[in-house]
Each structure stands twice: as C-alpha cells, then as structure tokens.
C-alpha atoms as a PDB file:
ATOM      1  CA  MET A   1       5.042  36.372-167.669  1.00  0.00           C
ATOM      2  CA  GLN A   2       6.528  36.361-170.820  1.00  0.00           C
ATOM      3  CA  PHE A   3       9.878  36.674-170.299  1.00  0.00           C
ATOM      4  CA  ARG A   4      12.129  33.777-171.354  1.00  0.00           C
ATOM      5  CA  LEU A   5      16.108  34.743-170.808  1.00  0.00           C
ATOM      6  CA  ASP A   6      16.767  32.643-174.069  1.00  0.00           C
ATOM      7  CA  GLU A   7      14.203  34.884-176.209  1.00  0.00           C
ATOM      8  CA  ALA A   8      15.547  37.944-175.004  1.00  0.00           C
ATOM      9  CA  ILE A   9      18.918  37.024-175.649  1.00  0.00           C
ATOM     10  CA  GLU A  10      18.214  36.720-179.861  1.00  0.00           C
ATOM     11  CA  VAL A  11      16.963  40.529-179.441  1.00  0.00           C
ATOM     12  CA  LEU A  12      19.545  41.900-178.277  1.00  0.00           C
ATOM     13  CA  GLU A  13      22.389  39.276-180.130  1.00  0.00           C
ATOM     14  CA  ARG A  14      20.988  40.945-183.202  1.00  0.00           C
ATOM     15  CA  THR A  15      20.212  44.701-182.754  1.00  0.00           C
ATOM     16  CA  PRO A  16      23.610  45.765-183.260  1.00  0.00           C
ATOM     17  CA  ARG A  17      24.081  43.749-186.598  1.00  0.00           C
ATOM     18  CA  THR A  18      20.281  45.007-187.999  1.00  0.00           C
ATOM     19  CA  LEU A  19      21.673  48.190-186.565  1.00  0.00           C
ATOM     20  CA  ALA A  20      24.693  48.214-188.487  1.00  0.00           C
ATOM     21  CA  GLN A  21      23.015  46.482-191.641  1.00  0.00           C
ATOM     22  CA  TRP A  22      20.487  48.913-191.911  1.00  0.00           C
ATOM     23  CA  LEU A  23      23.160  52.384-191.372  1.00  0.00           C
ATOM     24  CA  ILE A  24      26.276  51.913-192.577  1.00  0.00           C
ATOM     25  CA  GLY A  25      26.795  52.967-196.077  1.00  0.00           C
ATOM     26  CA  LEU A  26      23.745  55.776-196.076  1.00  0.00           C
ATOM     27  CA  SER A  27      24.744  59.256-196.464  1.00  0.00           C
ATOM     28  CA  ASP A  28      24.228  61.622-193.560  1.00  0.00           C
ATOM     29  CA  GLY A  29      21.084  63.427-194.824  1.00  0.00           C
ATOM     30  CA  TRP A  30      19.631  59.760-193.716  1.00  0.00           C
ATOM     31  CA  LEU A  31      22.073  60.280-190.659  1.00  0.00           C
ATOM     32  CA  GLN A  32      21.085  63.123-189.777  1.00  0.00           C
ATOM     33  CA  GLY A  33      17.683  63.598-189.216  1.00  0.00           C
ATOM     34  CA  ASN A  34      15.693  64.202-186.810  1.00  0.00           C
ATOM     35  CA  GLU A  35      12.565  65.100-185.846  1.00  0.00           C
ATOM     36  CA  GLY A  36      12.901  68.653-184.321  1.00  0.00           C
ATOM     37  CA  GLU A  37      14.875  70.608-181.215  1.00  0.00           C
ATOM     38  CA  GLY A  38      15.585  68.332-178.803  1.00  0.00           C
ATOM     39  CA  THR A  39      15.190  64.750-180.610  1.00  0.00           C
ATOM     40  CA  TRP A  40      18.071  62.433-181.342  1.00  0.00           C
ATOM     41  CA  ASN A  41      18.796  61.450-185.037  1.00  0.00           C
ATOM     42  CA  ALA A  42      20.101  57.858-185.852  1.00  0.00           C
ATOM     43  CA  ALA A  43      23.920  58.917-184.965  1.00  0.00           C
ATOM     44  CA  GLU A  44      22.763  59.920-181.768  1.00  0.00           C
ATOM     45  CA  VAL A  45      20.858  56.777-180.279  1.00  0.00           C
ATOM     46  CA  ILE A  46      23.384  55.096-181.489  1.00  0.00           C
ATOM     47  CA  GLY A  47      25.763  57.281-179.243  1.00  0.00           C
ATOM     48  CA  HIS A  48      22.286  56.775-176.224  1.00  0.00           C
ATOM     49  CA  LEU A  49      23.169  53.189-177.183  1.00  0.00           C
ATOM     50  CA  ILE A  50      26.504  52.564-177.018  1.00  0.00           C
ATOM     51  CA  GLU A  51      26.190  54.648-173.579  1.00  0.00           C
ATOM     52  CA  GLY A  52      23.086  52.234-172.148  1.00  0.00           C
ATOM     53  CA  GLU A  53      26.234  49.350-172.608  1.00  0.00           C
ATOM     54  CA  ARG A  54      28.526  50.872-170.604  1.00  0.00           C
ATOM     55  CA  THR A  55      26.814  52.264-167.790  1.00  0.00           C
ATOM     56  CA  ASN A  56      22.876  51.267-167.692  1.00  0.00           C
ATOM     57  CA  TRP A  57      21.676  47.342-168.483  1.00  0.00           C
ATOM     58  CA  MET A  58      24.420  44.976-167.142  1.00  0.00           C
ATOM     59  CA  PRO A  59      26.492  47.326-164.296  1.00  0.00           C
ATOM     60  CA  ARG A  60      22.619  47.744-162.828  1.00  0.00           C
ATOM     61  CA  LEU A  61      22.072  44.374-163.056  1.00  0.00           C
ATOM     62  CA  ALA A  62      25.654  42.939-161.574  1.00  0.00           C
ATOM     63  CA  PHE A  63      24.604  45.515-158.791  1.00  0.00           C
ATOM     64  CA  MET A  64      21.130  44.296-158.266  1.00  0.00           C
ATOM     65  CA  LEU A  65      22.306  40.592-158.038  1.00  0.00           C
ATOM     66  CA  ARG A  66      25.416  41.911-155.779  1.00  0.00           C
ATOM     67  CA  GLU A  67      23.429  43.879-153.192  1.00  0.00           C
ATOM     68  CA  GLY A  68      20.107  43.431-152.937  1.00  0.00           C
ATOM     69  CA  GLU A  69      17.386  46.341-152.209  1.00  0.00           C
ATOM     70  CA  SER A  70      20.465  46.961-149.410  1.00  0.00           C
ATOM     71  CA  LYS A  71      21.310  50.435-152.002  1.00  0.00           C
ATOM     72  CA  PRO A  72      19.681  52.175-154.858  1.00  0.00           C
ATOM     73  CA  PHE A  73      21.577  51.101-158.684  1.00  0.00           C
ATOM     74  CA  PRO A  74      23.257  54.368-159.880  1.00  0.00           C
ATOM     75  CA  PRO A  75      21.034  56.487-161.512  1.00  0.00           C
ATOM     76  CA  PHE A  76      21.679  56.560-165.241  1.00  0.00           C
ATOM     77  CA  ASP A  77      21.945  59.910-167.381  1.00  0.00           C
ATOM     78  CA  ARG A  78      19.947  59.520-170.796  1.00  0.00           C
ATOM     79  CA  PHE A  79      21.369  62.126-172.241  1.00  0.00           C
ATOM     80  CA  ALA A  80      25.488  61.151-171.152  1.00  0.00           C
ATOM     81  CA  HIS A  81      26.297  60.184-174.903  1.00  0.00           C
ATOM     82  CA  LEU A  82      25.389  64.092-175.914  1.00  0.00           C
ATOM     83  CA  SER A  83      28.390  65.714-173.887  1.00  0.00           C
ATOM     84  CA  ALA A  84      30.427  61.772-174.864  1.00  0.00           C
ATOM     85  CA  LYS A  85      33.989  62.177-176.755  1.00  0.00           C
ATOM     86  CA  PRO A  86      34.057  64.129-180.316  1.00  0.00           C
ATOM     87  CA  GLU A  87      32.026  62.901-183.088  1.00  0.00           C
ATOM     88  CA  ALA A  88      32.856  59.329-184.669  1.00  0.00           C
ATOM     89  CA  THR A  89      32.300  58.236-187.694  1.00  0.00           C
ATOM     90  CA  ILE A  90      28.773  55.848-187.460  1.00  0.00           C
ATOM     91  CA  GLU A  91      31.407  52.705-188.627  1.00  0.00           C
ATOM     92  CA  GLN A  92      32.948  52.869-185.612  1.00  0.00           C
ATOM     93  CA  LYS A  93      30.254  54.287-182.879  1.00  0.00           C
ATOM     94  CA  LEU A  94      28.316  50.144-184.572  1.00  0.00           C
ATOM     95  CA  ARG A  95      31.253  48.740-183.756  1.00  0.00           C
ATOM     96  CA  GLU A  96      31.993  50.288-180.223  1.00  0.00           C
ATOM     97  CA  PHE A  97      28.049  49.278-179.658  1.00  0.00           C
ATOM     98  CA  GLN A  98      28.276  45.298-181.191  1.00  0.00           C
ATOM     99  CA  ASP A  99      31.416  45.198-179.444  1.00  0.00           C
ATOM    100  CA  MET A 100      29.912  45.629-175.586  1.00  0.00           C
ATOM    101  CA  ARG A 101      26.977  44.855-176.822  1.00  0.00           C
ATOM    102  CA  ALA A 102      28.643  41.179-176.876  1.00  0.00           C
ATOM    103  CA  LEU A 103      31.008  41.122-173.829  1.00  0.00           C
ATOM    104  CA  ASN A 104      28.049  41.825-172.183  1.00  0.00           C
ATOM    105  CA  ILE A 105      25.860  38.984-173.274  1.00  0.00           C
ATOM    106  CA  ARG A 106      29.071  37.040-172.129  1.00  0.00           C
ATOM    107  CA  LYS A 107      28.490  38.531-168.858  1.00  0.00           C
ATOM    108  CA  LEU A 108      24.756  38.217-168.961  1.00  0.00           C
ATOM    109  CA  LYS A 109      25.009  34.455-169.726  1.00  0.00           C
ATOM    110  CA  GLU A 110      27.931  33.981-166.588  1.00  0.00           C
ATOM    111  CA  LEU A 111      25.538  36.022-164.321  1.00  0.00           C
ATOM    112  CA  VAL A 112      22.216  34.414-164.428  1.00  0.00           C
ATOM    113  CA  GLY A 113      22.370  31.687-164.400  1.00  0.00           C
ATOM    114  CA  ALA A 114      19.207  30.296-162.658  1.00  0.00           C
ATOM    115  CA  GLU A 115      15.455  31.402-163.488  1.00  0.00           C
ATOM    116  CA  ALA A 116      15.795  32.431-159.119  1.00  0.00           C
ATOM    117  CA  ASP A 117      18.062  35.820-160.773  1.00  0.00           C
ATOM    118  CA  LEU A 118      16.032  36.612-162.353  1.00  0.00           C
ATOM    119  CA  GLU A 119      13.262  37.011-159.698  1.00  0.00           C
ATOM    120  CA  GLN A 120      15.912  38.949-157.991  1.00  0.00           C
ATOM    121  CA  THR A 121      15.128  42.601-156.725  1.00  0.00           C
ATOM    122  CA  GLY A 122      17.202  45.114-156.473  1.00  0.00           C
ATOM    123  CA  LEU A 123      16.317  49.103-155.868  1.00  0.00           C
ATOM    124  CA  HIS A 124      15.836  51.314-158.423  1.00  0.00           C
ATOM    125  CA  PRO A 125      16.707  54.925-157.657  1.00  0.00           C
ATOM    126  CA  ALA A 126      13.499  56.350-159.081  1.00  0.00           C
ATOM    127  CA  PHE A 127      11.195  53.130-159.679  1.00  0.00           C
ATOM    128  CA  GLY A 128      11.697  51.621-155.926  1.00  0.00           C
ATOM    129  CA  PRO A 129      11.921  47.628-155.606  1.00  0.00           C
ATOM    130  CA  VAL A 130      12.698  46.264-159.250  1.00  0.00           C
ATOM    131  CA  LYS A 131      13.328  42.330-160.459  1.00  0.00           C
ATOM    132  CA  ALA A 132      16.240  41.259-162.005  1.00  0.00           C
ATOM    133  CA  ARG A 133      13.554  40.193-165.377  1.00  0.00           C
ATOM    134  CA  GLU A 134      11.997  43.553-165.208  1.00  0.00           C
ATOM    135  CA  LEU A 135      15.225  45.495-166.521  1.00  0.00           C
ATOM    136  CA  LEU A 136      16.124  42.771-168.788  1.00  0.00           C
ATOM    137  CA  SER A 137      12.849  43.211-170.305  1.00  0.00           C
ATOM    138  CA  ALA A 138      13.483  46.376-170.121  1.00  0.00           C
ATOM    139  CA  TRP A 139      16.469  45.995-172.422  1.00  0.00           C
ATOM    140  CA  VAL A 140      14.677  44.528-175.690  1.00  0.00           C
ATOM    141  CA  VAL A 141      12.177  46.574-175.087  1.00  0.00           C
ATOM    142  CA  HIS A 142      14.817  50.229-175.008  1.00  0.00           C
ATOM    143  CA  ASP A 143      16.173  48.441-177.865  1.00  0.00           C
ATOM    144  CA  LEU A 144      12.736  47.896-179.913  1.00  0.00           C
ATOM    145  CA  THR A 145      12.084  51.358-179.162  1.00  0.00           C
ATOM    146  CA  HIS A 146      15.204  52.775-180.217  1.00  0.00           C
ATOM    147  CA  MET A 147      15.204  50.502-183.627  1.00  0.00           C
ATOM    148  CA  ALA A 148      11.371  52.365-184.368  1.00  0.00           C
ATOM    149  CA  GLN A 149      12.650  55.426-183.558  1.00  0.00           C
ATOM    150  CA  ILE A 150      15.283  55.586-185.678  1.00  0.00           C
ATOM    151  CA  VAL A 151      12.896  54.134-188.628  1.00  0.00           C
ATOM    152  CA  ARG A 152      10.462  56.480-187.671  1.00  0.00           C
ATOM    153  CA  VAL A 153      12.927  59.619-187.630  1.00  0.00           C
ATOM    154  CA  MET A 154      13.987  58.396-191.049  1.00  0.00           C
ATOM    155  CA  ALA A 155      11.087  57.945-192.953  1.00  0.00           C
ATOM    156  CA  GLU A 156       9.387  61.447-191.469  1.00  0.00           C
ATOM    157  CA  ARG A 157      12.580  62.294-194.044  1.00  0.00           C
ATOM    158  CA  TYR A 158      10.101  62.078-196.683  1.00  0.00           C
ATOM    159  CA  LYS A 159       6.777  62.928-195.423  1.00  0.00           C
ATOM    160  CA  SER A 160       6.260  65.568-197.412  1.00  0.00           C
ATOM    161  CA  ASP A 161       7.200  64.054-200.463  1.00  0.00           C
ATOM    162  CA  VAL A 162       4.571  61.148-200.311  1.00  0.00           C
ATOM    163  CA  GLY A 163       1.795  63.287-201.252  1.00  0.00           C
ATOM    164  CA  PRO A 164      -1.876  61.211-200.925  1.00  0.00           C
ATOM    165  CA  TRP A 165      -0.043  57.827-199.440  1.00  0.00           C
ATOM    166  CA  ILE A 166       0.601  59.564-196.463  1.00  0.00           C
ATOM    167  CA  GLN A 167      -3.196  57.825-195.572  1.00  0.00           C
ATOM    168  CA  TYR A 168      -0.907  54.704-195.475  1.00  0.00           C
ATOM    169  CA  LEU A 169       1.887  54.462-193.885  1.00  0.00           C
ATOM    170  CA  GLY A 170       1.093  54.294-190.627  1.00  0.00           C
ATOM    171  CA  VAL A 171       4.715  55.107-189.175  1.00  0.00           C
ATOM    172  CA  LEU A 172       3.956  58.746-190.527  1.00  0.00           C
ATOM    173  CA  LYS A 173       1.317  59.095-188.408  1.00  0.00           C
ATOM    174  CA  LYS A 174       1.748  60.762-184.885  1.00  0.00           C
END
C-alpha cells in the first residue's frame, strides 16, 4: 500500500493552482479545442472538476464514514457539468474550483483523523464495497488524469503542424 493522506493532499492542494497558472490568459483556441465529438475541452474539464467537488469526493467520503456499507452512496453524474448554469469564464470557473477544493481539503482533514478511517468501507453503487483510502486515491488520480487530458487536448491542436517531430512527441501518440 502506497497511499499516504499527507501526500495525497499535496497533489489535491496544487491542482487548482496548477490549472489556474496553466489556463488563465490563454486564448479560446487553446481552451475550446477538444478531441472530437463527445470529448471535452479544457473549460468543460474544469466544469467537471467543479461538479466532482460539489457532489463526488467529499460528499461520498462523508457518507461512507457515516453509513459504512449499510446503503450505497449516491451515484456521480460525470456529465452533469454539461447541462450546468450558463457558461462562466475560465477565470470564474477556476476561482470556483479553487474555493471548493480548499473547503473540501479542510473538511477532509477534519473527517479523517486516524489511519483506521482510511480503511473504513462504504458501498459504491456500481463497484460494491470500497475503502476510504481507495476513494481518496481515486480523487488524486482523477486530478492527474484530467490535467493530462487538458495537456493532451491542447497538444492535439498542433498535431498536424509539428511535422516530422511527431515521432518524438509522446503526447501526440495514441
């Protein structure tokens, strides 16, 4: 087992700042590109991360620690952000994400006080029994996955322009 809460928090705390540093001030060409129909652009990924802060990670952890395996925690609608309120600017979305993440990290530190809390189980609506440690590990890897997705989508924009260097640019290889 490699999970350590303090190390997980290191990544969770940095994700909003990293994305803000990376995305604020970029033109729409960078922010609105995607990988084709049914895929998300950078702005939509941020919307998805906000929805996760609102309805996934901490609400599920709190439910799991309170209810155990007595009943499944609510499902997460991975696409809810696509029908959310009218489009906000990337700056507004990133500020909302940063504020929600800071609040959730404070809640996380309050809820998980002992190593035993990480082994507490809950009932996932599709997977069945899961541990708090697994949920928190998935949260960190989810952040990393979507940061990689944003970078990949942005790189794709110049795929046809890099010429023969494509052979050295792993982000463009599928």
